[in-house]
Amino acid sequence: MIGSLNMDLVATMDSLPKPGETVSGSLFTMVPGGKGANQAVAAARLGSKVNMVGKLGQDDFADRLRQNLQSSGVNVDHITPCELPTGTAFVLVERGGENSIVVIAGANSQCLPEDIDKAKERIAASEIILLQLEIPIETVLHAAKLGRDLGSTVILDPAPAQQLPPEIWSQIDIAIPNETELSAYTGMEVTGIESAITAGRKLIDRGCNTLVVKLGKQGALILKDQSTIHIPAFTVDTVDTTAAGDAFAGALAHSLLQGNPLPDAVQFANAVGALTTTKLGAQDSLPWEEAVRAFLANTDLPRKEVI
């Protein structure tokens, strides 16, 4: 796992403040986050051996984030300190669920290509490299190229959506955008299965080997060459969708490591993502292996469909 580590500072209130206004909050919590760390925890809790490469500051947040990863079974030997503060996200949440978020990259901005090179031996021993976009793009591209050169399967969660160098798609084995991100990268409106197929083919044409499009309640699509497979979603009582996409990414990597074919791995990732939405929070909501087994044992598997 190569990516970001943040401490999320979450304040809950009746309504979001207007410019210049002060409001009273009802709850404040500090929640471990960052897409890289979330995905590392997701895979580790399912039973995978996970190594995290990233940057933290030298502060209390760094200590808490490192401890939280270790408690979930993530190896933190290649999380290195820097002079900048640990990455943070300030999240204001109003009673109806609307929020405003300010992210300060902090130490994440100092996760550089040389940090990836320092972890080369560990990367060489890894079957899968999972990347996101909350560290510098040059580092993501460098890690993708190195992973491919060393024979690893490279998975990119291209979030948050941003301008990317065109060559990055040819360095990725599997890209896993959601509808919003696929729209941003193709300039096409994606609102469901048919539009996702059309837009997805555009990324395939740019050199992306395999595309898995996350469609929320509509499940996921697998696009490769001229084939398309729809993997329907699981039905659950959703409480909070935070970290569901990260749960999907970590679970997909975990299932592929078990030797499962991609359609089965995507179905498993759908299940883990769905189960994540039944609890509040980010890393706190990521399920352990036993919970996923129990969920699948008591749930009918949606039927995969070739389109």
C-alpha atoms as a PDB file:
ATOM      1  CA  MET A   1       0.000   0.000   0.000  1.00  0.00           C
ATOM      2  CA  ILE A   2       1.434   3.354  -1.027  1.00  0.00           C
ATOM      3  CA  GLY A   3      -0.519   6.463  -0.119  1.00  0.00           C
ATOM      4  CA  SER A   4      -1.868   8.987   2.335  1.00  0.00           C
ATOM      5  CA  LEU A   5      -2.382   9.040   6.077  1.00  0.00           C
ATOM      6  CA  ASN A   6      -4.623  11.687   7.662  1.00  0.00           C
ATOM      7  CA  MET A   7      -6.223  12.487  10.959  1.00  0.00           C
ATOM      8  CA  ASP A   8      -9.841  13.495  10.323  1.00  0.00           C
ATOM      9  CA  LEU A   9     -11.093  16.189  12.716  1.00  0.00           C
ATOM     10  CA  VAL A  10     -14.880  15.965  12.587  1.00  0.00           C
ATOM     11  CA  ALA A  11     -17.272  18.536  14.083  1.00  0.00           C
ATOM     12  CA  THR A  12     -21.040  17.965  14.053  1.00  0.00           C
ATOM     13  CA  MET A  13     -23.561  20.830  14.272  1.00  0.00           C
ATOM     14  CA  ASP A  14     -27.171  21.701  13.447  1.00  0.00           C
ATOM     15  CA  SER A  15     -26.224  23.805  10.426  1.00  0.00           C
ATOM     16  CA  LEU A  16     -23.016  24.751   8.666  1.00  0.00           C
ATOM     17  CA  PRO A  17     -21.722  28.259   9.432  1.00  0.00           C
ATOM     18  CA  LYS A  18     -22.097  30.988   6.842  1.00  0.00           C
ATOM     19  CA  PRO A  19     -19.105  33.243   6.077  1.00  0.00           C
ATOM     20  CA  GLY A  20     -18.286  35.227   9.219  1.00  0.00           C
ATOM     21  CA  GLU A  21     -20.723  33.231  11.378  1.00  0.00           C
ATOM     22  CA  THR A  22     -19.921  31.246  14.524  1.00  0.00           C
ATOM     23  CA  VAL A  23     -22.128  28.286  15.412  1.00  0.00           C
ATOM     24  CA  SER A  24     -22.203  25.860  18.328  1.00  0.00           C
ATOM     25  CA  GLY A  25     -21.249  22.269  17.635  1.00  0.00           C
ATOM     26  CA  SER A  26     -22.719  19.180  19.260  1.00  0.00           C
ATOM     27  CA  LEU A  27     -19.896  16.647  18.817  1.00  0.00           C
ATOM     28  CA  PHE A  28     -16.188  16.523  18.016  1.00  0.00           C
ATOM     29  CA  THR A  29     -14.275  13.384  17.100  1.00  0.00           C
ATOM     30  CA  MET A  30     -10.814  12.531  15.765  1.00  0.00           C
ATOM     31  CA  VAL A  31     -10.917   9.648  13.303  1.00  0.00           C
ATOM     32  CA  PRO A  32      -7.925   7.968  11.594  1.00  0.00           C
ATOM     33  CA  GLY A  33      -8.229   8.411   7.831  1.00  0.00           C
ATOM     34  CA  GLY A  34      -6.467   9.024   4.553  1.00  0.00           C
ATOM     35  CA  LYS A  35      -7.285   6.880   1.522  1.00  0.00           C
ATOM     36  CA  GLY A  36      -4.012   4.979   1.643  1.00  0.00           C
ATOM     37  CA  ALA A  37      -4.329   4.141   5.325  1.00  0.00           C
ATOM     38  CA  ASN A  38      -8.020   3.247   4.985  1.00  0.00           C
ATOM     39  CA  GLN A  39      -7.299   0.785   2.193  1.00  0.00           C
ATOM     40  CA  ALA A  40      -4.369  -0.709   4.089  1.00  0.00           C
ATOM     41  CA  VAL A  41      -6.560  -1.305   7.144  1.00  0.00           C
ATOM     42  CA  ALA A  42      -9.344  -2.766   4.984  1.00  0.00           C
ATOM     43  CA  ALA A  43      -7.033  -5.374   3.430  1.00  0.00           C
ATOM     44  CA  ALA A  44      -5.251  -6.195   6.692  1.00  0.00           C
ATOM     45  CA  ARG A  45      -8.476  -6.777   8.617  1.00  0.00           C
ATOM     46  CA  LEU A  46      -9.493  -9.287   5.953  1.00  0.00           C
ATOM     47  CA  GLY A  47      -6.313 -11.258   6.552  1.00  0.00           C
ATOM     48  CA  SER A  48      -3.818  -9.957   3.992  1.00  0.00           C
ATOM     49  CA  LYS A  49      -0.211  -9.183   4.838  1.00  0.00           C
ATOM     50  CA  VAL A  50      -0.061  -5.427   4.231  1.00  0.00           C
ATOM     51  CA  ASN A  51       2.901  -3.055   4.160  1.00  0.00           C
ATOM     52  CA  MET A  52       2.243   0.686   4.175  1.00  0.00           C
ATOM     53  CA  VAL A  53       4.530   3.216   2.479  1.00  0.00           C
ATOM     54  CA  GLY A  54       3.858   6.846   3.340  1.00  0.00           C
ATOM     55  CA  LYS A  55       4.809   9.931   5.335  1.00  0.00           C
ATOM     56  CA  LEU A  56       3.808  11.236   8.754  1.00  0.00           C
ATOM     57  CA  GLY A  57       4.821  14.244  10.771  1.00  0.00           C
ATOM     58  CA  GLN A  58       6.482  14.062  14.178  1.00  0.00           C
ATOM     59  CA  ASP A  59       3.451  14.811  16.315  1.00  0.00           C
ATOM     60  CA  ASP A  60       0.691  13.210  18.384  1.00  0.00           C
ATOM     61  CA  PHE A  61      -1.446  12.564  15.301  1.00  0.00           C
ATOM     62  CA  ALA A  62       1.389  10.573  13.749  1.00  0.00           C
ATOM     63  CA  ASP A  63       1.678   8.384  16.834  1.00  0.00           C
ATOM     64  CA  ARG A  64      -2.061   7.689  16.865  1.00  0.00           C
ATOM     65  CA  LEU A  65      -2.228   6.889  13.165  1.00  0.00           C
ATOM     66  CA  ARG A  66       0.759   4.578  13.343  1.00  0.00           C
ATOM     67  CA  GLN A  67      -0.678   2.744  16.364  1.00  0.00           C
ATOM     68  CA  ASN A  68      -4.056   2.369  14.678  1.00  0.00           C
ATOM     69  CA  LEU A  69      -2.457   0.766  11.616  1.00  0.00           C
ATOM     70  CA  GLN A  70      -0.446  -1.616  13.754  1.00  0.00           C
ATOM     71  CA  SER A  71      -3.516  -2.646  15.732  1.00  0.00           C
ATOM     72  CA  SER A  72      -5.129  -3.708  12.449  1.00  0.00           C
ATOM     73  CA  GLY A  73      -2.085  -5.722  11.409  1.00  0.00           C
ATOM     74  CA  VAL A  74      -0.434  -3.287   8.981  1.00  0.00           C
ATOM     75  CA  ASN A  75       3.375  -3.196   8.801  1.00  0.00           C
ATOM     76  CA  VAL A  76       4.534   0.414   9.283  1.00  0.00           C
ATOM     77  CA  ASP A  77       8.303   0.023   8.769  1.00  0.00           C
ATOM     78  CA  HIS A  78       8.187   2.182   5.622  1.00  0.00           C
ATOM     79  CA  ILE A  79       6.129   5.021   7.055  1.00  0.00           C
ATOM     80  CA  THR A  80       8.808   7.669   7.550  1.00  0.00           C
ATOM     81  CA  PRO A  81       8.762  10.981   9.434  1.00  0.00           C
ATOM     82  CA  CYS A  82       9.233  14.449   7.987  1.00  0.00           C
ATOM     83  CA  GLU A  83       9.276  18.013   9.269  1.00  0.00           C
ATOM     84  CA  LEU A  84       5.768  18.892   8.056  1.00  0.00           C
ATOM     85  CA  PRO A  85       2.760  18.159  10.282  1.00  0.00           C
ATOM     86  CA  THR A  86       0.779  14.985   9.753  1.00  0.00           C
ATOM     87  CA  GLY A  87      -1.934  15.324   7.093  1.00  0.00           C
ATOM     88  CA  THR A  88      -5.319  16.453   8.373  1.00  0.00           C
ATOM     89  CA  ALA A  89      -8.881  16.820   7.161  1.00  0.00           C
ATOM     90  CA  PHE A  90     -11.244  19.266   8.846  1.00  0.00           C
ATOM     91  CA  VAL A  91     -14.792  17.994   8.391  1.00  0.00           C
ATOM     92  CA  LEU A  92     -17.891  20.025   9.306  1.00  0.00           C
ATOM     93  CA  VAL A  93     -21.067  17.934   9.295  1.00  0.00           C
ATOM     94  CA  GLU A  94     -24.580  19.326   9.686  1.00  0.00           C
ATOM     95  CA  ARG A  95     -27.511  17.398  11.105  1.00  0.00           C
ATOM     96  CA  GLY A  96     -28.882  16.363   7.695  1.00  0.00           C
ATOM     97  CA  GLY A  97     -25.557  14.884   6.607  1.00  0.00           C
ATOM     98  CA  GLU A  98     -24.264  17.724   4.397  1.00  0.00           C
ATOM     99  CA  ASN A  99     -20.625  18.489   5.011  1.00  0.00           C
ATOM    100  CA  SER A 100     -17.759  20.821   4.197  1.00  0.00           C
ATOM    101  CA  ILE A 101     -14.204  19.485   4.158  1.00  0.00           C
ATOM    102  CA  VAL A 102     -10.790  21.115   4.120  1.00  0.00           C
ATOM    103  CA  VAL A 103      -7.848  18.776   3.523  1.00  0.00           C
ATOM    104  CA  ILE A 104      -4.300  19.802   4.385  1.00  0.00           C
ATOM    105  CA  ALA A 105      -1.843  17.370   2.806  1.00  0.00           C
ATOM    106  CA  GLY A 106       0.985  18.142   5.222  1.00  0.00           C
ATOM    107  CA  ALA A 107       3.413  15.217   5.382  1.00  0.00           C
ATOM    108  CA  ASN A 108       1.604  13.450   2.519  1.00  0.00           C
ATOM    109  CA  SER A 109       3.002  16.067   0.147  1.00  0.00           C
ATOM    110  CA  GLN A 110       6.507  14.880   1.040  1.00  0.00           C
ATOM    111  CA  CYS A 111       5.940  11.258   0.004  1.00  0.00           C
ATOM    112  CA  LEU A 112       8.399  11.424  -2.895  1.00  0.00           C
ATOM    113  CA  PRO A 113       9.813   9.006  -5.497  1.00  0.00           C
ATOM    114  CA  GLU A 114      12.937   8.465  -3.386  1.00  0.00           C
ATOM    115  CA  ASP A 115      10.728   7.165  -0.575  1.00  0.00           C
ATOM    116  CA  ILE A 116       9.373   4.574  -2.977  1.00  0.00           C
ATOM    117  CA  ASP A 117      12.905   3.572  -3.972  1.00  0.00           C
ATOM    118  CA  LYS A 118      13.828   3.087  -0.321  1.00  0.00           C
ATOM    119  CA  ALA A 119      11.008   0.535  -0.074  1.00  0.00           C
ATOM    120  CA  LYS A 120      12.009  -1.220  -3.317  1.00  0.00           C
ATOM    121  CA  GLU A 121      12.882  -4.511  -1.621  1.00  0.00           C
ATOM    122  CA  ARG A 122       9.491  -4.636   0.097  1.00  0.00           C
ATOM    123  CA  ILE A 123       7.713  -3.664  -3.121  1.00  0.00           C
ATOM    124  CA  ALA A 124       9.569  -6.380  -5.035  1.00  0.00           C
ATOM    125  CA  ALA A 125       8.179  -8.940  -2.582  1.00  0.00           C
ATOM    126  CA  SER A 126       4.605  -7.657  -2.992  1.00  0.00           C
ATOM    127  CA  GLU A 127       2.191  -9.295  -5.414  1.00  0.00           C
ATOM    128  CA  ILE A 128      -0.092  -6.234  -5.528  1.00  0.00           C
ATOM    129  CA  ILE A 129       0.628  -2.503  -5.315  1.00  0.00           C
ATOM    130  CA  LEU A 130      -2.420  -0.378  -4.443  1.00  0.00           C
ATOM    131  CA  LEU A 131      -2.228   3.358  -5.168  1.00  0.00           C
ATOM    132  CA  GLN A 132      -4.431   6.452  -4.754  1.00  0.00           C
ATOM    133  CA  LEU A 133      -4.005  10.159  -5.527  1.00  0.00           C
ATOM    134  CA  GLU A 134      -3.546  11.883  -2.159  1.00  0.00           C
ATOM    135  CA  ILE A 135       0.248  11.949  -2.538  1.00  0.00           C
ATOM    136  CA  PRO A 136       2.168  13.714  -5.341  1.00  0.00           C
ATOM    137  CA  ILE A 137       1.280  12.435  -8.822  1.00  0.00           C
ATOM    138  CA  GLU A 138       4.954  12.054  -9.717  1.00  0.00           C
ATOM    139  CA  THR A 139       5.263   9.607  -6.822  1.00  0.00           C
ATOM    140  CA  VAL A 140       2.194   7.646  -7.919  1.00  0.00           C
ATOM    141  CA  LEU A 141       3.519   7.337 -11.474  1.00  0.00           C
ATOM    142  CA  HIS A 142       6.977   6.343 -10.241  1.00  0.00           C
ATOM    143  CA  ALA A 143       5.489   3.687  -7.949  1.00  0.00           C
ATOM    144  CA  ALA A 144       3.296   2.327 -10.743  1.00  0.00           C
ATOM    145  CA  LYS A 145       6.239   2.000 -13.130  1.00  0.00           C
ATOM    146  CA  LEU A 146       8.411   0.403 -10.461  1.00  0.00           C
ATOM    147  CA  GLY A 147       5.677  -2.034  -9.505  1.00  0.00           C
ATOM    148  CA  ARG A 148       5.182  -3.096 -13.119  1.00  0.00           C
ATOM    149  CA  ASP A 149       8.940  -3.479 -13.620  1.00  0.00           C
ATOM    150  CA  LEU A 150       9.140  -5.687 -10.528  1.00  0.00           C
ATOM    151  CA  GLY A 151       6.258  -7.895 -11.663  1.00  0.00           C
ATOM    152  CA  SER A 152       3.561  -6.692  -9.249  1.00  0.00           C
ATOM    153  CA  THR A 153      -0.067  -6.158 -10.196  1.00  0.00           C
ATOM    154  CA  VAL A 154      -0.699  -2.408  -9.968  1.00  0.00           C
ATOM    155  CA  ILE A 155      -4.159  -1.202  -8.908  1.00  0.00           C
ATOM    156  CA  LEU A 156      -5.031   2.505  -8.999  1.00  0.00           C
ATOM    157  CA  ASP A 157      -7.937   4.091  -7.180  1.00  0.00           C
ATOM    158  CA  PRO A 158      -7.865   7.370  -9.162  1.00  0.00           C
ATOM    159  CA  ALA A 159      -9.265   9.524  -6.361  1.00  0.00           C
ATOM    160  CA  PRO A 160      -9.571  12.345  -5.720  1.00  0.00           C
ATOM    161  CA  ALA A 161     -10.035  13.041  -9.433  1.00  0.00           C
ATOM    162  CA  GLN A 162      -7.412  15.389 -10.873  1.00  0.00           C
ATOM    163  CA  GLN A 163      -5.355  15.965 -13.997  1.00  0.00           C
ATOM    164  CA  LEU A 164      -3.096  12.977 -14.649  1.00  0.00           C
ATOM    165  CA  PRO A 165      -0.225  12.410 -17.069  1.00  0.00           C
ATOM    166  CA  PRO A 166      -1.579  10.435 -20.048  1.00  0.00           C
ATOM    167  CA  GLU A 167       1.050   7.704 -19.684  1.00  0.00           C
ATOM    168  CA  ILE A 168      -0.192   6.665 -16.257  1.00  0.00           C
ATOM    169  CA  TRP A 169      -3.053   4.556 -17.656  1.00  0.00           C
ATOM    170  CA  SER A 170      -0.673   2.241 -19.497  1.00  0.00           C
ATOM    171  CA  GLN A 171       1.206   1.611 -16.238  1.00  0.00           C
ATOM    172  CA  ILE A 172      -1.924   0.396 -14.427  1.00  0.00           C
ATOM    173  CA  ASP A 173      -3.197  -3.177 -14.466  1.00  0.00           C
ATOM    174  CA  ILE A 174      -6.571  -2.351 -12.877  1.00  0.00           C
ATOM    175  CA  ALA A 175      -8.139   1.100 -12.381  1.00  0.00           C
ATOM    176  CA  ILE A 176     -11.133   1.382 -10.035  1.00  0.00           C
ATOM    177  CA  PRO A 177     -12.874   4.768 -10.493  1.00  0.00           C
ATOM    178  CA  ASN A 178     -16.382   5.573  -9.322  1.00  0.00           C
ATOM    179  CA  GLU A 179     -18.945   7.332 -11.536  1.00  0.00           C
ATOM    180  CA  THR A 180     -17.824  10.838 -10.590  1.00  0.00           C
ATOM    181  CA  GLU A 181     -14.164  10.097 -11.224  1.00  0.00           C
ATOM    182  CA  LEU A 182     -14.880   8.342 -14.528  1.00  0.00           C
ATOM    183  CA  SER A 183     -16.845  11.416 -15.621  1.00  0.00           C
ATOM    184  CA  ALA A 184     -13.930  13.693 -14.687  1.00  0.00           C
ATOM    185  CA  TYR A 185     -11.355  11.652 -16.595  1.00  0.00           C
ATOM    186  CA  THR A 186     -13.387  11.209 -19.759  1.00  0.00           C
ATOM    187  CA  GLY A 187     -15.414  14.431 -19.902  1.00  0.00           C
ATOM    188  CA  MET A 188     -18.554  12.312 -20.260  1.00  0.00           C
ATOM    189  CA  GLU A 189     -21.554  12.306 -17.943  1.00  0.00           C
ATOM    190  CA  VAL A 190     -21.752   8.953 -16.155  1.00  0.00           C
ATOM    191  CA  THR A 191     -25.087   8.221 -14.531  1.00  0.00           C
ATOM    192  CA  GLY A 192     -25.480   4.466 -14.696  1.00  0.00           C
ATOM    193  CA  ILE A 193     -24.456   1.257 -16.403  1.00  0.00           C
ATOM    194  CA  GLU A 194     -24.802   2.237 -20.066  1.00  0.00           C
ATOM    195  CA  SER A 195     -22.981   5.564 -19.753  1.00  0.00           C
ATOM    196  CA  ALA A 196     -20.303   3.930 -17.575  1.00  0.00           C
ATOM    197  CA  ILE A 197     -19.627   1.376 -20.314  1.00  0.00           C
ATOM    198  CA  THR A 198     -19.275   4.093 -22.964  1.00  0.00           C
ATOM    199  CA  ALA A 199     -16.994   6.235 -20.796  1.00  0.00           C
ATOM    200  CA  GLY A 200     -15.047   3.239 -19.549  1.00  0.00           C
ATOM    201  CA  ARG A 201     -14.209   2.174 -23.087  1.00  0.00           C
ATOM    202  CA  LYS A 202     -12.636   5.609 -23.541  1.00  0.00           C
ATOM    203  CA  LEU A 203     -10.169   4.899 -20.711  1.00  0.00           C
ATOM    204  CA  ILE A 204      -9.488   1.425 -22.079  1.00  0.00           C
ATOM    205  CA  ASP A 205      -8.554   3.090 -25.380  1.00  0.00           C
ATOM    206  CA  ARG A 206      -6.039   5.254 -23.499  1.00  0.00           C
ATOM    207  CA  GLY A 207      -4.121   2.167 -22.433  1.00  0.00           C
ATOM    208  CA  CYS A 208      -5.839   1.068 -19.240  1.00  0.00           C
ATOM    209  CA  ASN A 209      -5.658  -2.742 -19.140  1.00  0.00           C
ATOM    210  CA  THR A 210      -8.722  -3.449 -17.001  1.00  0.00           C
ATOM    211  CA  LEU A 211     -11.325  -1.105 -15.570  1.00  0.00           C
ATOM    212  CA  VAL A 212     -13.585  -1.742 -12.593  1.00  0.00           C
ATOM    213  CA  VAL A 213     -16.214   1.000 -12.267  1.00  0.00           C
ATOM    214  CA  LYS A 214     -17.860   1.408  -8.852  1.00  0.00           C
ATOM    215  CA  LEU A 215     -21.548   2.240  -9.301  1.00  0.00           C
ATOM    216  CA  GLY A 216     -22.797   2.372  -5.708  1.00  0.00           C
ATOM    217  CA  LYS A 217     -26.214   0.761  -5.396  1.00  0.00           C
ATOM    218  CA  GLN A 218     -25.886  -0.512  -8.984  1.00  0.00           C
ATOM    219  CA  GLY A 219     -22.830  -2.575  -8.080  1.00  0.00           C
ATOM    220  CA  ALA A 220     -19.773  -2.546 -10.322  1.00  0.00           C
ATOM    221  CA  LEU A 221     -18.719  -3.073 -13.919  1.00  0.00           C
ATOM    222  CA  ILE A 222     -15.651  -4.907 -15.203  1.00  0.00           C
ATOM    223  CA  LEU A 223     -14.413  -3.746 -18.602  1.00  0.00           C
ATOM    224  CA  LYS A 224     -11.532  -5.497 -20.372  1.00  0.00           C
ATOM    225  CA  ASP A 225     -10.851  -5.662 -24.094  1.00  0.00           C
ATOM    226  CA  GLN A 226     -14.334  -6.089 -25.604  1.00  0.00           C
ATOM    227  CA  SER A 227     -15.909  -7.853 -22.617  1.00  0.00           C
ATOM    228  CA  THR A 228     -18.150  -6.302 -19.960  1.00  0.00           C
ATOM    229  CA  ILE A 229     -19.418  -7.954 -16.774  1.00  0.00           C
ATOM    230  CA  HIS A 230     -21.920  -6.419 -14.371  1.00  0.00           C
ATOM    231  CA  ILE A 231     -21.579  -7.396 -10.702  1.00  0.00           C
ATOM    232  CA  PRO A 232     -24.768  -6.314  -8.859  1.00  0.00           C
ATOM    233  CA  ALA A 233     -24.593  -4.727  -5.415  1.00  0.00           C
ATOM    234  CA  PHE A 234     -25.609  -6.234  -2.088  1.00  0.00           C
ATOM    235  CA  THR A 235     -28.657  -4.792  -0.358  1.00  0.00           C
ATOM    236  CA  VAL A 236     -28.015  -3.463   3.170  1.00  0.00           C
ATOM    237  CA  ASP A 237     -29.411  -0.824   5.506  1.00  0.00           C
ATOM    238  CA  THR A 238     -26.977   2.010   4.836  1.00  0.00           C
ATOM    239  CA  VAL A 239     -25.963   4.236   7.734  1.00  0.00           C
ATOM    240  CA  ASP A 240     -22.846   6.003   6.447  1.00  0.00           C
ATOM    241  CA  THR A 241     -21.048   5.608   3.105  1.00  0.00           C
ATOM    242  CA  THR A 242     -17.735   6.983   4.403  1.00  0.00           C
ATOM    243  CA  ALA A 243     -14.799   4.729   3.409  1.00  0.00           C
ATOM    244  CA  ALA A 244     -16.977   2.331   1.396  1.00  0.00           C
ATOM    245  CA  GLY A 245     -14.842   2.976  -1.694  1.00  0.00           C
ATOM    246  CA  ASP A 246     -11.659   2.395   0.291  1.00  0.00           C
ATOM    247  CA  ALA A 247     -13.126  -0.807   1.715  1.00  0.00           C
ATOM    248  CA  PHE A 248     -13.866  -1.933  -1.849  1.00  0.00           C
ATOM    249  CA  ALA A 249     -10.283  -1.249  -2.943  1.00  0.00           C
ATOM    250  CA  GLY A 250      -8.694  -3.076  -0.011  1.00  0.00           C
ATOM    251  CA  ALA A 251     -11.073  -6.017  -0.353  1.00  0.00           C
ATOM    252  CA  LEU A 252     -10.451  -6.296  -4.103  1.00  0.00           C
ATOM    253  CA  ALA A 253      -6.702  -6.487  -3.538  1.00  0.00           C
ATOM    254  CA  HIS A 254      -7.177  -9.022  -0.738  1.00  0.00           C
ATOM    255  CA  SER A 255      -9.403 -11.297  -2.818  1.00  0.00           C
ATOM    256  CA  LEU A 256      -7.057 -11.201  -5.806  1.00  0.00           C
ATOM    257  CA  LEU A 257      -4.207 -12.181  -3.480  1.00  0.00           C
ATOM    258  CA  GLN A 258      -6.221 -15.261  -2.560  1.00  0.00           C
ATOM    259  CA  GLY A 259      -6.108 -16.312  -6.216  1.00  0.00           C
ATOM    260  CA  ASN A 260      -9.752 -15.519  -6.993  1.00  0.00           C
ATOM    261  CA  PRO A 261     -10.729 -14.534 -10.569  1.00  0.00           C
ATOM    262  CA  LEU A 262     -11.540 -10.854 -11.011  1.00  0.00           C
ATOM    263  CA  PRO A 263     -15.384 -11.229 -11.143  1.00  0.00           C
ATOM    264  CA  ASP A 264     -15.358 -13.119  -7.834  1.00  0.00           C
ATOM    265  CA  ALA A 265     -12.954 -10.567  -6.331  1.00  0.00           C
ATOM    266  CA  VAL A 266     -15.231  -7.691  -7.377  1.00  0.00           C
ATOM    267  CA  GLN A 267     -18.247  -9.460  -5.882  1.00  0.00           C
ATOM    268  CA  PHE A 268     -16.339  -9.896  -2.626  1.00  0.00           C
ATOM    269  CA  ALA A 269     -15.307  -6.226  -2.703  1.00  0.00           C
ATOM    270  CA  ASN A 270     -18.957  -5.248  -3.223  1.00  0.00           C
ATOM    271  CA  ALA A 271     -19.848  -7.213  -0.094  1.00  0.00           C
ATOM    272  CA  VAL A 272     -17.142  -5.601   2.029  1.00  0.00           C
ATOM    273  CA  GLY A 273     -18.047  -2.137   0.756  1.00  0.00           C
ATOM    274  CA  ALA A 274     -21.717  -2.739   1.531  1.00  0.00           C
ATOM    275  CA  LEU A 275     -20.954  -4.022   5.016  1.00  0.00           C
ATOM    276  CA  THR A 276     -18.830  -0.929   5.675  1.00  0.00           C
ATOM    277  CA  THR A 277     -21.835   1.334   5.049  1.00  0.00           C
ATOM    278  CA  THR A 278     -23.771  -0.253   7.929  1.00  0.00           C
ATOM    279  CA  LYS A 279     -21.554   1.501  10.504  1.00  0.00           C
ATOM    280  CA  LEU A 280     -20.503   5.089  11.176  1.00  0.00           C
ATOM    281  CA  GLY A 281     -17.016   6.406  10.515  1.00  0.00           C
ATOM    282  CA  ALA A 282     -14.044   5.650   8.291  1.00  0.00           C
ATOM    283  CA  GLN A 283     -11.520   3.127   9.616  1.00  0.00           C
ATOM    284  CA  ASP A 284     -13.788   2.252  12.541  1.00  0.00           C
ATOM    285  CA  SER A 285     -16.386   0.945  10.071  1.00  0.00           C
ATOM    286  CA  LEU A 286     -14.011  -1.318   8.115  1.00  0.00           C
ATOM    287  CA  PRO A 287     -15.021  -4.926   8.833  1.00  0.00           C
ATOM    288  CA  TRP A 288     -12.848  -7.764  10.091  1.00  0.00           C
ATOM    289  CA  GLU A 289     -12.660 -11.078   8.260  1.00  0.00           C
ATOM    290  CA  GLU A 290     -15.053 -12.840  10.655  1.00  0.00           C
ATOM    291  CA  ALA A 291     -17.782 -10.228  10.092  1.00  0.00           C
ATOM    292  CA  VAL A 292     -17.494 -10.554   6.309  1.00  0.00           C
ATOM    293  CA  ARG A 293     -17.679 -14.344   6.494  1.00  0.00           C
ATOM    294  CA  ALA A 294     -20.836 -14.124   8.618  1.00  0.00           C
ATOM    295  CA  PHE A 295     -22.376 -11.587   6.239  1.00  0.00           C
ATOM    296  CA  LEU A 296     -21.723 -13.733   3.169  1.00  0.00           C
ATOM    297  CA  ALA A 297     -22.939 -16.904   4.892  1.00  0.00           C
ATOM    298  CA  ASN A 298     -26.312 -15.274   5.510  1.00  0.00           C
ATOM    299  CA  THR A 299     -26.689 -13.369   2.236  1.00  0.00           C
ATOM    300  CA  ASP A 300     -27.630 -14.532  -1.251  1.00  0.00           C
ATOM    301  CA  LEU A 301     -24.934 -13.686  -3.783  1.00  0.00           C
ATOM    302  CA  PRO A 302     -26.199 -11.386  -6.563  1.00  0.00           C
ATOM    303  CA  ARG A 303     -25.909 -13.000  -9.980  1.00  0.00           C
ATOM    304  CA  LYS A 304     -23.100 -11.791 -12.252  1.00  0.00           C
ATOM    305  CA  GLU A 305     -24.218 -10.728 -15.737  1.00  0.00           C
ATOM    306  CA  VAL A 306     -22.215 -10.627 -18.963  1.00  0.00           C
ATOM    307  CA  ILE A 307     -23.270  -7.601 -21.010  1.00  0.00           C
END
